[in-house]
Amino acid sequence: MRLIRLVRLAVILLLALLLVLVAMANRASVPVHLLPSDFVDFLGIPAVVQVPLFLVILGAGVIGLIVGFVWEWLRESKHRANAATGERRVTALAREVGRLREAQSGGRKDEVLALLDRPARKR
């Protein structure tokens, strides 16, 4: 378990070092056009921002990650709904089994069977 933490930390540090190196190599300012030139001409407002290239690169990566996470969350919503439905069914069936066992034993339970049917406690 400790080895996994060390490997994870090493990978994170390596990625951080790589990002710092990319940022240092791409410090030059570049123009970023926020709107197409036709809109700029129509609105009459300047829509160009000068930012370092590494911010453009990292910003595009972050935006891509966010879009990917949202896309996957939406795509997997049906699986989460099915899991919740299954969980509710399991709970209802467990309750029904308990009621049927009580009805079968006539309301009386043997002490040993009652101990065996009781859910195990976590230690």
Protein backbone atom coordinates (compact mmCIF):
# COMPACT_ATOMS: atom_id res chain seq x y z
CA MET A 1 0.00 0.00 0.00
CA ARG A 2 2.84 2.36 0.82
CA LEU A 3 4.48 1.59 -2.54
CA ILE A 4 1.33 2.68 -4.38
CA ARG A 5 1.39 6.02 -2.55
CA LEU A 6 5.03 6.55 -3.42
CA VAL A 7 4.42 5.74 -7.09
CA ARG A 8 1.40 8.05 -7.17
CA LEU A 9 3.42 10.86 -5.58
CA ALA A 10 6.27 10.32 -8.06
CA VAL A 11 3.87 10.50 -11.02
CA ILE A 12 2.25 13.68 -9.69
CA LEU A 13 5.64 15.30 -9.15
CA LEU A 14 6.76 14.29 -12.63
CA LEU A 15 3.61 15.79 -14.18
CA ALA A 16 4.05 19.00 -12.16
CA LEU A 17 7.66 19.28 -13.32
CA LEU A 18 6.58 18.70 -16.91
CA LEU A 19 3.91 21.41 -16.67
CA VAL A 20 6.42 23.87 -15.20
CA LEU A 21 8.89 23.12 -18.00
CA VAL A 22 6.21 23.61 -20.68
CA ALA A 23 5.18 26.88 -19.04
CA MET A 24 8.77 28.13 -18.94
CA ALA A 25 9.36 27.22 -22.58
CA ASN A 26 6.15 28.96 -23.78
CA ARG A 27 6.16 32.33 -22.00
CA ALA A 28 5.79 34.46 -25.13
CA SER A 29 2.57 36.45 -25.40
CA VAL A 30 0.19 35.55 -28.19
CA PRO A 31 -3.03 37.25 -29.29
CA VAL A 32 -6.20 35.33 -28.47
CA HIS A 33 -9.24 36.41 -30.47
CA LEU A 34 -12.39 36.05 -28.36
CA LEU A 35 -14.81 36.70 -31.26
CA PRO A 36 -14.64 36.25 -35.03
CA SER A 37 -13.53 39.38 -36.88
CA ASP A 38 -16.98 39.89 -38.45
CA PHE A 39 -18.56 40.20 -34.98
CA VAL A 40 -15.80 42.52 -33.83
CA ASP A 41 -16.40 44.80 -36.83
CA PHE A 42 -20.17 44.77 -36.21
CA LEU A 43 -19.97 45.40 -32.44
CA GLY A 44 -17.08 47.81 -32.62
CA ILE A 45 -15.35 46.45 -29.51
CA PRO A 46 -11.88 44.96 -29.49
CA ALA A 47 -11.97 41.25 -28.70
CA VAL A 48 -8.26 40.42 -28.66
CA VAL A 49 -6.38 39.54 -25.50
CA GLN A 50 -2.61 39.09 -25.18
CA VAL A 51 -1.82 36.08 -22.95
CA PRO A 52 1.19 33.82 -22.50
CA LEU A 53 1.09 30.75 -24.72
CA PHE A 54 1.31 28.32 -21.79
CA LEU A 55 -1.98 29.72 -20.42
CA VAL A 56 -3.64 29.00 -23.74
CA ILE A 57 -2.27 25.44 -23.72
CA LEU A 58 -3.19 24.72 -20.10
CA GLY A 59 -6.58 26.44 -20.44
CA ALA A 60 -7.45 24.30 -23.44
CA GLY A 61 -6.52 21.18 -21.46
CA VAL A 62 -8.65 22.20 -18.49
CA ILE A 63 -11.62 23.02 -20.71
CA GLY A 64 -11.23 19.65 -22.44
CA LEU A 65 -11.19 17.84 -19.09
CA ILE A 66 -14.32 19.65 -17.89
CA VAL A 67 -16.20 18.90 -21.11
CA GLY A 68 -15.11 15.25 -20.92
CA PHE A 69 -16.21 14.88 -17.29
CA VAL A 70 -19.62 16.43 -17.99
CA TRP A 71 -20.07 14.29 -21.11
CA GLU A 72 -19.28 11.08 -19.19
CA TRP A 73 -21.52 12.08 -16.28
CA LEU A 74 -24.43 12.62 -18.67
CA ARG A 75 -23.67 9.43 -20.60
CA GLU A 76 -23.57 7.29 -17.44
CA SER A 77 -26.74 8.71 -15.88
CA LYS A 78 -28.81 5.74 -17.09
CA HIS A 79 -26.40 3.34 -15.34
CA ARG A 80 -26.70 5.29 -12.08
CA ALA A 81 -30.50 5.24 -12.39
CA ASN A 82 -30.48 1.46 -12.97
CA ALA A 83 -28.21 0.95 -9.96
CA ALA A 84 -30.49 3.01 -7.73
CA THR A 85 -33.53 1.05 -8.93
CA GLY A 86 -31.74 -2.23 -8.25
CA GLU A 87 -30.74 -1.06 -4.79
CA ARG A 88 -34.35 -0.19 -3.96
CA ARG A 89 -35.51 -3.59 -5.21
CA VAL A 90 -32.92 -5.41 -3.10
CA THR A 91 -34.00 -3.49 0.00
CA ALA A 92 -37.69 -4.23 -0.65
CA LEU A 93 -36.99 -7.91 -1.27
CA ALA A 94 -34.90 -8.19 1.90
CA ARG A 95 -37.80 -6.70 3.88
CA GLU A 96 -40.21 -9.14 2.26
CA VAL A 97 -37.97 -12.12 3.07
CA GLY A 98 -37.86 -10.99 6.69
CA ARG A 99 -41.64 -10.73 6.85
CA LEU A 100 -42.05 -14.17 5.25
CA ARG A 101 -39.63 -15.75 7.72
CA GLU A 102 -41.53 -14.24 10.64
CA ALA A 103 -44.84 -15.42 9.21
CA GLN A 104 -43.45 -18.92 8.61
CA SER A 105 -42.20 -19.27 12.17
CA GLY A 106 -45.47 -17.97 13.58
CA GLY A 107 -43.91 -14.89 15.15
CA ARG A 108 -41.65 -17.04 17.36
CA LYS A 109 -38.03 -17.42 16.58
CA ASP A 110 -35.52 -19.82 17.88
CA GLU A 111 -32.76 -17.90 19.68
CA VAL A 112 -29.98 -19.49 17.63
CA LEU A 113 -31.73 -18.77 14.33
CA ALA A 114 -32.38 -15.19 15.42
CA LEU A 115 -28.65 -14.74 16.05
CA LEU A 116 -27.79 -16.23 12.65
CA ASP A 117 -30.31 -14.03 10.80
CA ARG A 118 -29.07 -10.84 12.43
CA PRO A 119 -26.73 -8.84 10.18
CA ALA A 120 -23.06 -9.07 11.12
CA ARG A 121 -21.53 -6.03 12.82
CA LYS A 122 -18.42 -4.50 11.35
CA ARG A 123 -15.45 -4.40 13.65
